[in-house]
Amino acid sequence: MAEILVVEDDDELRRLVCRRLTMAGHQVAEAPNGLAATRQIQEHVPELIISDIVMPDMDGLELIRNLQKEHPQLKVLAVTGGGTTDPALRLTLAKRFGAADTLYKPFSLDELLEKVSILLES
């Protein structure tokens, strides 16, 4: 299937998403924030990135902006739900900065897989 990088600072959620994507047949790597993801992408560019927006060190919005400069063809699914600012605003900004699609937390794993399938097919 596809190579996917999951960027999420919540360890439990990251492991759950990675496990479900692996069960669906994908090759999955993980990173706890945008900075760690950037380092991994320098080594190997995946087909899709699923990235939280609110994270320490480098947030998802900065990651998306950087990816648009370095790898504009790379598809990003931005997810968010918490934080101190409006989640809808963060998702709108993510799309404006280049995210291919967005997903609001909490989401079901089936909903996530559906979005992943659509992005990989487009």
Protein backbone atom coordinates (compact mmCIF):
# COMPACT_ATOMS: atom_id res chain seq x y z
CA MET A 1 0.00 0.00 0.00
CA ALA A 2 1.38 3.45 0.93
CA GLU A 3 4.14 4.88 3.08
CA ILE A 4 2.61 7.21 5.68
CA LEU A 5 4.20 9.39 8.35
CA VAL A 6 2.03 10.10 11.40
CA VAL A 7 3.03 13.29 13.25
CA GLU A 8 1.25 13.51 16.61
CA ASP A 9 2.45 14.56 20.07
CA ASP A 10 -0.15 12.45 21.91
CA ASP A 11 1.70 9.13 22.25
CA GLU A 12 -1.43 7.05 22.77
CA LEU A 13 -3.29 8.51 19.80
CA ARG A 14 -0.19 8.24 17.59
CA ARG A 15 0.25 4.56 18.44
CA LEU A 16 -3.45 3.87 17.85
CA VAL A 17 -3.45 5.57 14.44
CA CYS A 18 -0.20 3.87 13.43
CA ARG A 19 -1.52 0.46 14.45
CA ARG A 20 -4.75 0.93 12.49
CA LEU A 21 -2.91 2.13 9.38
CA THR A 22 -0.53 -0.81 9.63
CA MET A 23 -3.48 -3.20 9.93
CA ALA A 24 -4.85 -1.63 6.74
CA GLY A 25 -1.62 -2.61 4.97
CA HIS A 26 0.31 0.66 5.00
CA GLN A 27 3.96 1.13 5.93
CA VAL A 28 3.88 3.59 8.80
CA ALA A 29 6.51 5.78 10.44
CA GLU A 30 5.87 8.15 13.31
CA ALA A 31 7.13 11.41 14.77
CA PRO A 32 6.12 13.27 17.97
CA ASN A 33 6.30 16.77 16.42
CA GLY A 34 7.06 18.72 13.26
CA LEU A 35 10.75 19.02 14.00
CA ALA A 36 11.22 15.26 14.28
CA ALA A 37 9.08 14.79 11.16
CA THR A 38 11.26 17.24 9.22
CA ARG A 39 14.35 15.23 10.13
CA GLN A 40 12.69 11.99 9.01
CA ILE A 41 11.52 13.50 5.74
CA GLN A 42 15.10 14.58 4.98
CA GLU A 43 16.00 10.88 5.09
CA HIS A 44 12.92 9.54 3.28
CA VAL A 45 9.83 11.23 1.81
CA PRO A 46 6.59 9.31 2.45
CA GLU A 47 3.54 9.34 0.18
CA LEU A 48 1.29 10.93 2.81
CA ILE A 49 1.66 12.76 6.11
CA ILE A 50 -1.01 12.82 8.78
CA SER A 51 -0.14 15.71 11.07
CA ASP A 52 -1.60 17.18 14.20
CA ILE A 53 -1.47 20.96 14.28
CA VAL A 54 -0.93 21.80 17.97
CA MET A 55 2.45 20.28 18.95
CA PRO A 56 5.61 21.39 20.76
CA ASP A 57 8.90 22.28 19.03
CA MET A 58 7.33 22.74 15.57
CA ASP A 59 3.60 22.82 15.07
CA GLY A 60 1.72 21.34 12.16
CA LEU A 61 1.12 24.67 10.43
CA GLU A 62 4.84 25.38 10.27
CA LEU A 63 5.46 21.82 9.08
CA ILE A 64 2.89 22.22 6.28
CA ARG A 65 4.41 25.56 5.18
CA ASN A 66 7.88 24.01 5.09
CA LEU A 67 6.67 20.97 3.17
CA GLN A 68 5.03 23.17 0.54
CA LYS A 69 8.42 24.77 -0.10
CA GLU A 70 10.48 21.58 -0.11
CA HIS A 71 7.99 18.91 -1.29
CA PRO A 72 4.94 20.59 -2.84
CA GLN A 73 3.67 17.28 -4.23
CA LEU A 74 3.52 15.69 -0.76
CA LYS A 75 -0.04 15.29 0.52
CA VAL A 76 -0.82 16.27 4.12
CA LEU A 77 -3.90 15.42 6.14
CA ALA A 78 -4.04 17.97 8.98
CA VAL A 79 -5.88 17.08 12.19
CA THR A 80 -6.69 19.13 15.28
CA GLY A 81 -9.14 19.44 18.09
CA GLY A 82 -7.50 21.06 21.08
CA GLY A 83 -5.44 24.10 21.81
CA THR A 84 -6.21 27.65 22.83
CA THR A 85 -7.42 28.93 19.44
CA ASP A 86 -10.44 27.89 17.41
CA PRO A 87 -9.86 24.43 15.84
CA ALA A 88 -11.87 25.40 12.76
CA LEU A 89 -9.56 28.37 12.21
CA ARG A 90 -6.47 26.13 12.51
CA LEU A 91 -7.93 23.68 9.96
CA THR A 92 -8.75 26.56 7.60
CA LEU A 93 -5.18 27.82 7.92
CA ALA A 94 -3.84 24.31 7.30
CA LYS A 95 -5.77 24.15 4.01
CA ARG A 96 -4.59 27.63 3.08
CA PHE A 97 -0.97 26.63 3.79
CA GLY A 98 -1.25 23.55 1.57
CA ALA A 99 -2.86 20.65 3.45
CA ALA A 100 -4.73 18.40 1.02
CA ASP A 101 -7.49 17.73 3.56
CA THR A 102 -8.35 18.19 7.22
CA LEU A 103 -9.96 16.19 10.00
CA TYR A 104 -11.39 17.42 13.29
CA LYS A 105 -10.60 15.53 16.53
CA PRO A 106 -12.08 13.39 17.86
CA PHE A 107 -12.40 11.30 14.72
CA SER A 108 -13.18 7.65 14.16
CA LEU A 109 -10.48 5.41 12.75
CA ASP A 110 -12.85 4.48 9.90
CA GLU A 111 -13.21 8.17 9.05
CA LEU A 112 -9.42 8.53 9.07
CA LEU A 113 -8.98 5.51 6.79
CA GLU A 114 -11.57 6.88 4.38
CA LYS A 115 -9.74 10.22 4.14
CA VAL A 116 -6.40 8.41 3.69
CA SER A 117 -7.83 6.28 0.86
CA ILE A 118 -9.26 9.31 -0.91
CA LEU A 119 -5.98 11.23 -0.64
CA LEU A 120 -3.89 8.32 -1.87
CA GLU A 121 -6.18 7.79 -4.87
CA SER A 122 -6.17 11.45 -5.92
